């Protein structure tokens, strides 16, 4: 018996009323027949013509682009970037929205995720509902903050640099990325061809003048001679093991936060926005109020940003344990925190290493997990350690909300929540939640 082929709806157009914003950089709309559309390049309240980009007759929902605006929102502006729009670069989600409107949309997404996945209102989460811009990012409508200190350019088959289209491997060739930091743009990567390369990542440290380029060659291709507009160190990604190896220059860049210098090697994590590390570090320390002599955990610790801030505040009588899975990041963290004898950094996955430490109680916990969150088992373990306060740094509001629900099961409540717009023009947002044992009350 042959299966009847399912008809694709790609290319179909619907005239729709645009509903609320959803997590992921799109809004929700319904066709007259009741089909759910996730529409990009639209804003709530608009009437648009939406063209389907993904989906079939049997799909639960369809993805679509707003290709014609029939009734515009008062929050709509002309996208400043010529490469933003339906079918173009997928790097930004909200170029067509005023900066203040972008932050409101992100706030609505956080509120919706908290309610749906954690059963929390903003008041119950100790959140005033606002998303704060980073220092210097309040720009007039039509202007774009230059914040992205790391840009990974995809290279097309002709060696031309660009960025990927939304949910696609296709390359949108560009000659300038408007959200790239000045230190990235001044390297001139977009002004030359990169024959034989699959990608070129540019890093411009905000804590120093360090500049780095990481080249990923196509299989069998030779490395080009790199002559850029500024001094730069060069690394390459090896085809065999995927490891990053030095070609010339320093194999790391130097960043600054909390009046300390941090070495960040290739593959090591550091916040992309130049103000992000300091902003998040302060929010965490203000929320935790570390005291001399306390013990603390820094989980998913990267190169040691929060571990360093904690160590500085708990002093010689305190102790900090950091856990990080990345080998290079662990080496950097140990180097960065070598002047704190009471700091230990362990390598491995948090869910594997933490039970092996034998730690049964701790005063403070910071966790900054990857986008998927910490998960039920890790949260259950953390809740059993009796910390007086826990700081959860989250780059995904859905993962945060799920984990907050698990923490509630473990006897913790949210004391305060703050949200920061550290990825302007995109749908991404960073949150810091401070938790405490539920019996403490407010």
Protein backbone atom coordinates (compact mmCIF):
# COMPACT_ATOMS: atom_id res chain seq x y z
CA UNK A 1 0.00 0.00 0.00
CA UNK A 2 1.49 3.35 -1.04
CA UNK A 3 1.52 6.35 1.24
CA UNK A 4 -0.21 9.38 -0.20
CA UNK A 5 2.36 12.22 -0.42
CA UNK A 6 1.64 15.12 1.94
CA UNK A 7 1.22 18.41 0.13
CA UNK A 8 3.76 21.10 0.98
CA UNK A 9 2.32 24.53 1.79
CA UNK A 10 5.60 26.41 1.22
CA UNK A 11 4.88 29.49 -0.89
CA UNK A 12 1.19 29.67 0.07
CA UNK A 13 0.08 33.12 1.21
CA UNK A 14 -2.47 34.08 3.85
CA UNK A 15 -3.83 37.45 4.91
CA UNK A 16 -3.80 37.38 8.70
CA UNK A 17 -4.22 39.45 11.84
CA UNK A 18 -1.01 39.14 13.86
CA UNK A 19 -1.43 38.06 17.49
CA UNK A 20 0.99 37.99 20.44
CA UNK A 21 4.75 37.57 20.31
CA UNK A 22 6.08 34.05 20.89
CA UNK A 23 9.42 32.71 22.08
CA UNK A 24 11.80 32.50 19.11
CA UNK A 25 11.55 35.85 17.30
CA UNK A 26 8.12 35.51 15.71
CA UNK A 27 4.46 36.29 16.39
CA UNK A 28 1.44 33.97 16.35
CA UNK A 29 -1.35 34.28 13.80
CA UNK A 30 -4.19 32.07 12.61
CA UNK A 31 -5.57 31.60 9.14
CA UNK A 32 -9.34 31.69 8.53
CA UNK A 33 -9.29 27.87 8.61
CA UNK A 34 -7.65 27.98 12.05
CA UNK A 35 -4.10 27.02 11.01
CA UNK A 36 -1.43 28.35 13.37
CA UNK A 37 1.28 30.47 11.73
CA UNK A 38 4.56 31.49 13.36
CA UNK A 39 5.19 34.74 11.48
CA UNK A 40 8.57 36.49 11.34
CA UNK A 41 9.06 40.15 10.35
CA UNK A 42 5.66 41.02 11.86
CA UNK A 43 4.53 42.81 15.04
CA UNK A 44 1.50 42.19 17.29
CA UNK A 45 -1.68 43.89 16.05
CA UNK A 46 -0.58 44.18 12.44
CA UNK A 47 -2.45 42.90 9.40
CA UNK A 48 -0.02 41.24 7.00
CA UNK A 49 0.27 38.99 4.01
CA UNK A 50 2.22 35.99 5.28
CA UNK A 51 4.05 33.58 2.95
CA UNK A 52 4.68 30.06 4.25
CA UNK A 53 8.37 29.12 4.50
CA UNK A 54 8.00 25.72 6.22
CA UNK A 55 5.11 23.31 6.65
CA UNK A 56 2.78 20.76 5.08
CA UNK A 57 -0.95 20.03 5.09
CA UNK A 58 -0.54 17.84 8.18
CA UNK A 59 1.82 20.15 10.15
CA UNK A 60 0.72 21.29 13.62
CA UNK A 61 1.87 24.79 12.73
CA UNK A 62 3.40 26.60 9.77
CA UNK A 63 6.35 29.00 9.67
CA UNK A 64 5.90 32.12 7.57
CA UNK A 65 7.35 35.52 6.70
CA UNK A 66 5.35 38.74 6.59
CA UNK A 67 6.00 39.75 2.97
CA UNK A 68 3.55 42.67 2.85
CA UNK A 69 2.40 44.90 5.70
CA UNK A 70 -1.26 45.84 5.17
CA UNK A 71 -1.81 47.60 8.51
CA UNK A 72 1.38 48.56 10.38
CA UNK A 73 1.99 48.75 14.14
CA UNK A 74 3.01 52.11 15.59
CA UNK A 75 6.13 50.26 16.81
CA UNK A 76 7.24 49.44 13.25
CA UNK A 77 10.22 51.16 11.62
CA UNK A 78 12.09 50.61 8.38
CA UNK A 79 14.78 47.99 9.13
CA UNK A 80 18.11 49.92 9.28
CA UNK A 81 20.03 46.92 7.91
CA UNK A 82 19.72 46.26 4.16
CA UNK A 83 20.26 42.53 4.79
CA UNK A 84 17.34 42.19 7.24
CA UNK A 85 13.95 41.04 6.00
CA UNK A 86 12.05 38.04 4.60
CA UNK A 87 14.37 35.50 2.99
CA UNK A 88 17.51 37.42 3.98
CA UNK A 89 20.01 37.22 6.89
CA UNK A 90 18.75 35.28 9.92
CA UNK A 91 21.01 36.99 12.46
CA UNK A 92 18.48 39.58 13.69
CA UNK A 93 14.79 39.14 14.53
CA UNK A 94 13.54 42.63 15.40
CA UNK A 95 15.26 45.13 13.09
CA UNK A 96 11.76 46.29 12.07
CA UNK A 97 10.78 47.24 15.66
CA UNK A 98 11.62 50.36 17.67
CA UNK A 99 14.25 49.63 20.38
CA UNK A 100 11.78 50.18 23.24
CA UNK A 101 9.26 47.89 21.54
CA UNK A 102 11.90 45.16 21.22
CA UNK A 103 12.45 45.21 24.97
CA UNK A 104 8.68 45.14 25.62
CA UNK A 105 8.33 42.11 23.32
CA UNK A 106 11.12 40.31 25.19
CA UNK A 107 9.40 41.13 28.47
CA UNK A 108 6.14 39.66 27.16
CA UNK A 109 7.96 36.45 26.18
CA UNK A 110 9.56 36.13 29.64
CA UNK A 111 6.19 36.72 31.34
CA UNK A 112 4.47 34.15 29.11
CA UNK A 113 7.15 31.49 29.72
CA UNK A 114 7.12 32.09 33.49
CA UNK A 115 3.34 31.73 33.60
CA UNK A 116 3.09 28.71 31.30
CA UNK A 117 6.09 26.68 32.53
CA UNK A 118 6.54 27.81 36.16
CA UNK A 119 3.06 29.06 37.08
CA UNK A 120 4.56 32.38 38.18
CA UNK A 121 3.29 35.91 37.67
CA UNK A 122 5.91 38.70 37.41
CA UNK A 123 4.98 39.75 40.98
CA UNK A 124 5.52 36.21 42.29
CA UNK A 125 8.92 36.18 40.55
CA UNK A 126 9.91 39.50 42.14
CA UNK A 127 10.20 41.05 38.66
CA UNK A 128 9.00 44.51 37.68
CA UNK A 129 8.32 43.36 34.10
CA UNK A 130 11.02 45.45 32.47
CA UNK A 131 13.96 44.42 30.31
CA UNK A 132 16.90 46.77 30.89
CA UNK A 133 19.16 47.93 28.06
CA UNK A 134 22.91 47.67 28.58
CA UNK A 135 24.79 50.87 29.28
CA UNK A 136 25.17 52.86 26.05
CA UNK A 137 22.59 50.79 24.12
CA UNK A 138 19.70 53.27 24.33
CA UNK A 139 19.74 54.42 20.71
CA UNK A 140 17.09 56.27 18.69
CA UNK A 141 14.80 54.31 16.37
CA UNK A 142 16.65 53.62 13.12
CA UNK A 143 20.04 53.27 14.85
CA UNK A 144 21.64 49.98 15.87
CA UNK A 145 24.01 49.31 18.81
CA UNK A 146 27.34 47.83 17.68
CA UNK A 147 27.55 45.18 20.35
CA UNK A 148 28.52 41.84 18.85
CA UNK A 149 32.19 41.21 19.77
CA UNK A 150 32.16 37.73 18.18
CA UNK A 151 30.82 37.16 14.69
CA UNK A 152 30.99 33.87 12.83
CA UNK A 153 30.86 34.54 9.10
CA UNK A 154 29.71 31.71 6.86
CA UNK A 155 31.65 31.54 3.58
CA UNK A 156 29.86 30.65 0.34
CA UNK A 157 31.29 28.47 -2.46
CA UNK A 158 32.88 31.54 -4.08
CA UNK A 159 34.73 32.53 -0.90
CA UNK A 160 32.37 35.42 -0.10
CA UNK A 161 31.60 36.09 3.59
CA UNK A 162 28.06 36.38 4.87
CA UNK A 163 25.62 35.16 7.49
CA UNK A 164 23.19 32.27 7.37
CA UNK A 165 19.59 32.80 6.39
CA UNK A 166 16.98 31.90 9.01
CA UNK A 167 16.79 28.12 9.62
CA UNK A 168 18.94 27.55 6.56
CA UNK A 169 22.49 26.67 5.51
CA UNK A 170 22.19 29.19 2.68
CA UNK A 171 24.54 32.18 2.97
CA UNK A 172 23.35 35.79 2.71
CA UNK A 173 26.46 37.57 1.40
CA UNK A 174 27.02 40.86 3.26
CA UNK A 175 29.50 43.73 3.13
CA UNK A 176 28.80 44.96 6.69
CA UNK A 177 27.08 43.61 9.82
CA UNK A 178 25.45 46.52 11.65
CA UNK A 179 25.41 44.82 15.07
CA UNK A 180 29.10 43.83 14.87
CA UNK A 181 31.31 45.65 17.37
CA UNK A 182 33.66 48.24 15.94
CA UNK A 183 36.63 45.97 16.73
CA UNK A 184 35.15 43.25 14.51
CA UNK A 185 34.21 45.58 11.65
CA UNK A 186 37.66 47.20 11.55
CA UNK A 187 39.28 43.84 10.71
CA UNK A 188 37.79 44.11 7.21
CA UNK A 189 36.74 40.46 6.94
CA UNK A 190 33.72 41.32 4.79
CA UNK A 191 35.93 43.14 2.27
CA UNK A 192 37.96 40.15 1.12
CA UNK A 193 37.34 36.65 -0.24
CA UNK A 194 38.10 33.49 1.74
CA UNK A 195 38.61 30.74 -0.81
CA UNK A 196 38.52 27.23 0.62
CA UNK A 197 37.05 28.36 3.96
CA UNK A 198 33.76 27.13 5.43
CA UNK A 199 33.64 29.83 8.11
CA UNK A 200 35.65 32.70 9.57
CA UNK A 201 35.00 33.73 13.16
CA UNK A 202 36.14 37.18 14.27
CA UNK A 203 36.67 38.04 17.94
CA UNK A 204 37.34 41.56 19.21
CA UNK A 205 37.98 41.56 22.95
CA UNK A 206 36.31 44.44 24.78
CA UNK A 207 38.73 44.22 27.72
CA UNK A 208 41.87 44.70 25.60
CA UNK A 209 43.00 45.39 22.05
CA UNK A 210 43.25 41.64 21.37
CA UNK A 211 41.81 40.52 18.03
CA UNK A 212 41.50 36.94 16.85
CA UNK A 213 40.32 35.13 13.74
CA UNK A 214 39.36 31.44 13.76
CA UNK A 215 39.38 29.76 10.34
CA UNK A 216 37.46 26.59 9.51
CA UNK A 217 38.72 25.26 6.15
CA UNK A 218 36.60 23.14 3.83
CA UNK A 219 37.80 19.50 3.62
CA UNK A 220 41.22 19.36 1.95
CA UNK A 221 41.58 23.14 1.58
CA UNK A 222 44.78 24.99 2.40
CA UNK A 223 44.89 27.85 4.84
CA UNK A 224 45.09 31.31 3.22
CA UNK A 225 47.65 33.91 4.20
CA UNK A 226 45.68 36.20 6.51
CA UNK A 227 46.40 39.89 5.97
CA UNK A 228 43.78 42.02 7.66
CA UNK A 229 43.44 45.70 8.45
CA UNK A 230 44.51 45.31 12.11
CA UNK A 231 46.99 43.11 14.03
CA UNK A 232 45.27 39.80 14.69
CA UNK A 233 46.11 36.32 15.97
CA UNK A 234 45.01 33.41 13.78
CA UNK A 235 43.65 30.01 14.81
CA UNK A 236 42.36 27.12 12.73
CA UNK A 237 39.81 24.40 13.35
CA UNK A 238 41.34 21.01 12.54
CA UNK A 239 39.38 18.76 10.21
CA UNK A 240 40.34 15.55 12.08
CA UNK A 241 39.45 16.35 15.67
CA UNK A 242 37.52 19.62 15.48
CA UNK A 243 40.09 21.12 17.87
CA UNK A 244 41.21 24.73 17.60
CA UNK A 245 44.96 25.15 16.99
CA UNK A 246 47.18 28.21 16.89
CA UNK A 247 48.57 29.39 13.55
CA UNK A 248 50.20 32.55 14.86
CA UNK A 249 49.75 35.04 17.67
CA UNK A 250 48.22 34.47 21.11
CA UNK A 251 45.86 31.50 21.44
CA UNK A 252 43.57 33.61 23.66
CA UNK A 253 42.09 37.08 24.10
CA UNK A 254 42.04 39.08 27.32
CA UNK A 255 38.77 40.35 28.77
CA UNK A 256 38.00 42.50 31.82
CA UNK A 257 35.33 42.31 34.52
CA UNK A 258 35.19 43.16 38.23
CA UNK A 259 38.60 44.88 37.88
CA UNK A 260 40.21 41.56 36.90
CA UNK A 261 41.67 40.34 33.60
CA UNK A 262 40.40 37.03 32.26
CA UNK A 263 42.18 34.95 29.63
CA UNK A 264 39.68 33.40 27.20
CA UNK A 265 41.05 30.76 24.84
CA UNK A 266 39.46 29.67 21.59
CA UNK A 267 36.36 27.72 22.41
CA UNK A 268 36.22 29.31 25.87
CA UNK A 269 32.97 31.09 26.73
CA UNK A 270 32.72 34.83 27.31
CA UNK A 271 29.65 37.00 26.97
CA UNK A 272 29.34 38.52 23.49
CA UNK A 273 28.06 41.97 24.49
CA UNK A 274 30.92 44.17 25.76
CA UNK A 275 28.93 45.19 28.87
CA UNK A 276 27.40 41.77 29.57
CA UNK A 277 30.03 40.18 31.82
CA UNK A 278 30.16 43.18 34.17
CA UNK A 279 26.37 43.65 34.12
CA UNK A 280 25.64 40.02 34.98
CA UNK A 281 28.44 39.76 37.53
CA UNK A 282 27.06 42.77 39.42
CA UNK A 283 23.48 41.47 39.27
CA UNK A 284 24.62 38.11 40.68
CA UNK A 285 26.75 39.60 43.45
CA UNK A 286 24.04 42.12 44.43
CA UNK A 287 21.53 39.28 44.60
CA UNK A 288 23.72 36.84 46.55
CA UNK A 289 25.35 39.35 48.96
CA UNK A 290 28.36 37.05 49.62
CA UNK A 291 29.84 37.19 53.12
CA UNK A 292 33.36 36.56 54.34
CA UNK A 293 34.03 32.91 55.08
CA UNK A 294 31.16 31.48 53.01
CA UNK A 295 31.40 28.51 50.67
CA UNK A 296 30.15 28.76 47.10
CA UNK A 297 29.65 26.78 43.90
CA UNK A 298 30.07 28.24 40.41
CA UNK A 299 28.49 25.73 38.00
CA UNK A 300 29.06 25.81 34.23
CA UNK A 301 31.76 28.27 35.27
CA UNK A 302 33.43 28.93 31.90
CA UNK A 303 36.72 30.79 32.40
CA UNK A 304 35.83 31.70 35.99
CA UNK A 305 33.94 35.03 35.87
CA UNK A 306 31.57 34.35 38.79
CA UNK A 307 34.07 32.16 40.67
CA UNK A 308 36.52 35.08 40.68
CA UNK A 309 33.91 37.55 41.91
CA UNK A 310 32.79 35.13 44.62
CA UNK A 311 36.36 34.35 45.73
CA UNK A 312 37.11 38.05 46.05
CA UNK A 313 34.09 38.53 48.33
CA UNK A 314 34.19 35.39 50.52
CA UNK A 315 37.87 36.02 51.28
CA UNK A 316 40.65 33.73 52.51
CA UNK A 317 38.39 31.93 54.98
CA UNK A 318 35.83 31.12 52.30
CA UNK A 319 36.04 28.59 49.47
CA UNK A 320 34.75 28.34 45.89
CA UNK A 321 34.37 25.29 43.67
CA UNK A 322 33.88 25.80 39.94
CA UNK A 323 32.73 23.04 37.56
CA UNK A 324 33.10 23.32 33.78
CA UNK A 325 33.01 20.70 31.01
CA UNK A 326 35.25 22.47 28.46
CA UNK A 327 38.92 21.42 28.75
CA UNK A 328 40.30 24.71 27.41
CA UNK A 329 37.95 26.79 29.57
CA UNK A 330 39.07 24.87 32.67
CA UNK A 331 42.73 25.60 31.85
CA UNK A 332 41.85 29.27 31.47
CA UNK A 333 39.82 29.35 34.69
CA UNK A 334 42.68 27.80 36.66
CA UNK A 335 45.08 30.36 35.17
CA UNK A 336 42.69 33.28 35.78
CA UNK A 337 42.07 32.35 39.42
CA UNK A 338 45.56 31.11 40.35
CA UNK A 339 45.92 33.90 42.94
CA UNK A 340 42.98 32.50 44.95
CA UNK A 341 44.28 29.44 46.85
CA UNK A 342 40.76 28.66 48.09
CA UNK A 343 39.32 28.25 44.57
CA UNK A 344 39.20 24.84 42.91
CA UNK A 345 38.10 24.17 39.32
CA UNK A 346 36.96 20.69 38.33
CA UNK A 347 36.48 19.52 34.74
CA UNK A 348 33.42 17.55 33.66
CA UNK A 349 29.67 17.72 33.36
CA UNK A 350 27.97 19.23 36.40
CA UNK A 351 25.59 16.27 36.80
CA UNK A 352 28.58 13.88 36.93
CA UNK A 353 31.17 15.89 38.89
CA UNK A 354 28.97 17.44 41.59
CA UNK A 355 27.83 14.14 43.16
CA UNK A 356 31.46 12.92 43.22
CA UNK A 357 32.66 15.93 45.23
CA UNK A 358 30.90 14.68 48.35
CA UNK A 359 29.65 18.22 49.07
CA UNK A 360 26.50 18.06 51.21
CA UNK A 361 26.01 21.71 52.10
CA UNK A 362 27.03 25.09 50.70
CA UNK A 363 26.15 28.73 51.36
CA UNK A 364 25.86 30.11 47.83
CA UNK A 365 25.36 28.70 44.32
CA UNK A 366 25.73 30.36 40.92
CA UNK A 367 24.65 28.44 37.84
CA UNK A 368 24.89 29.68 34.27
CA UNK A 369 23.80 26.61 32.29
CA UNK A 370 23.71 26.22 28.50
CA UNK A 371 20.55 27.08 26.57
CA UNK A 372 18.80 23.81 27.47
CA UNK A 373 18.94 24.65 31.19
CA UNK A 374 20.18 22.61 34.17
CA UNK A 375 17.41 19.99 34.18
CA UNK A 376 15.38 18.26 36.86
CA UNK A 377 18.06 15.98 38.38
CA UNK A 378 20.70 18.72 38.71
CA UNK A 379 18.19 21.15 40.21
CA UNK A 380 17.03 18.49 42.68
CA UNK A 381 20.64 17.95 43.78
CA UNK A 382 21.28 21.69 44.13
CA UNK A 383 18.12 22.18 46.18
CA UNK A 384 19.34 19.49 48.62
CA UNK A 385 22.52 21.46 49.47
CA UNK A 386 20.69 24.04 51.59
CA UNK A 387 22.22 27.19 50.04
CA UNK A 388 20.91 30.39 51.58
CA UNK A 389 20.80 31.93 48.10
CA UNK A 390 21.09 30.68 44.52
CA UNK A 391 21.75 32.85 41.46
CA UNK A 392 20.51 31.41 38.16
CA UNK A 393 21.83 33.15 35.03
CA UNK A 394 19.72 32.20 32.01
CA UNK A 395 20.00 32.91 28.30
CA UNK A 396 16.70 31.15 27.56
CA UNK A 397 13.48 32.11 29.39
CA UNK A 398 11.81 28.74 28.67
CA UNK A 399 14.67 26.76 30.24
CA UNK A 400 14.74 29.20 33.17
CA UNK A 401 11.00 28.80 33.79
CA UNK A 402 11.20 24.99 33.66
CA UNK A 403 14.09 24.94 36.13
CA UNK A 404 12.36 27.44 38.44
CA UNK A 405 9.43 25.01 38.64
CA UNK A 406 11.88 22.24 39.64
CA UNK A 407 13.44 24.51 42.27
CA UNK A 408 9.98 25.17 43.72
CA UNK A 409 9.51 21.39 44.08
CA UNK A 410 12.86 21.38 45.92
CA UNK A 411 11.73 24.04 48.40
CA UNK A 412 13.09 27.23 46.77
CA UNK A 413 11.22 30.36 45.75
CA UNK A 414 12.26 33.22 43.47
CA UNK A 415 13.27 36.25 45.50
CA UNK A 416 14.01 38.59 42.57
CA UNK A 417 14.31 38.38 38.81
CA UNK A 418 16.01 40.86 36.50
CA UNK A 419 16.11 40.83 32.70
CA UNK A 420 18.73 42.44 30.47
CA UNK A 421 18.67 43.17 26.75
CA UNK A 422 22.21 42.01 25.99
CA UNK A 423 21.38 40.88 22.44
CA UNK A 424 19.69 43.91 20.79
CA UNK A 425 17.87 43.30 17.49
CA UNK A 426 17.62 39.55 18.23
CA UNK A 427 15.00 37.65 20.26
CA UNK A 428 17.58 36.57 22.85
CA UNK A 429 17.46 37.96 26.38
CA UNK A 430 19.47 37.32 29.55
CA UNK A 431 17.86 36.87 32.99
CA UNK A 432 19.23 36.65 36.53
CA UNK A 433 16.96 34.97 39.09
CA UNK A 434 17.86 34.98 42.78
CA UNK A 435 16.33 32.13 44.78
CA UNK A 436 16.10 31.44 48.50
CA UNK A 437 14.55 28.73 50.67
CA UNK A 438 10.74 29.09 50.55
CA UNK A 439 10.31 29.07 54.32
CA UNK A 440 12.26 32.35 54.60
CA UNK A 441 9.33 34.22 53.08
CA UNK A 442 9.66 37.65 51.60
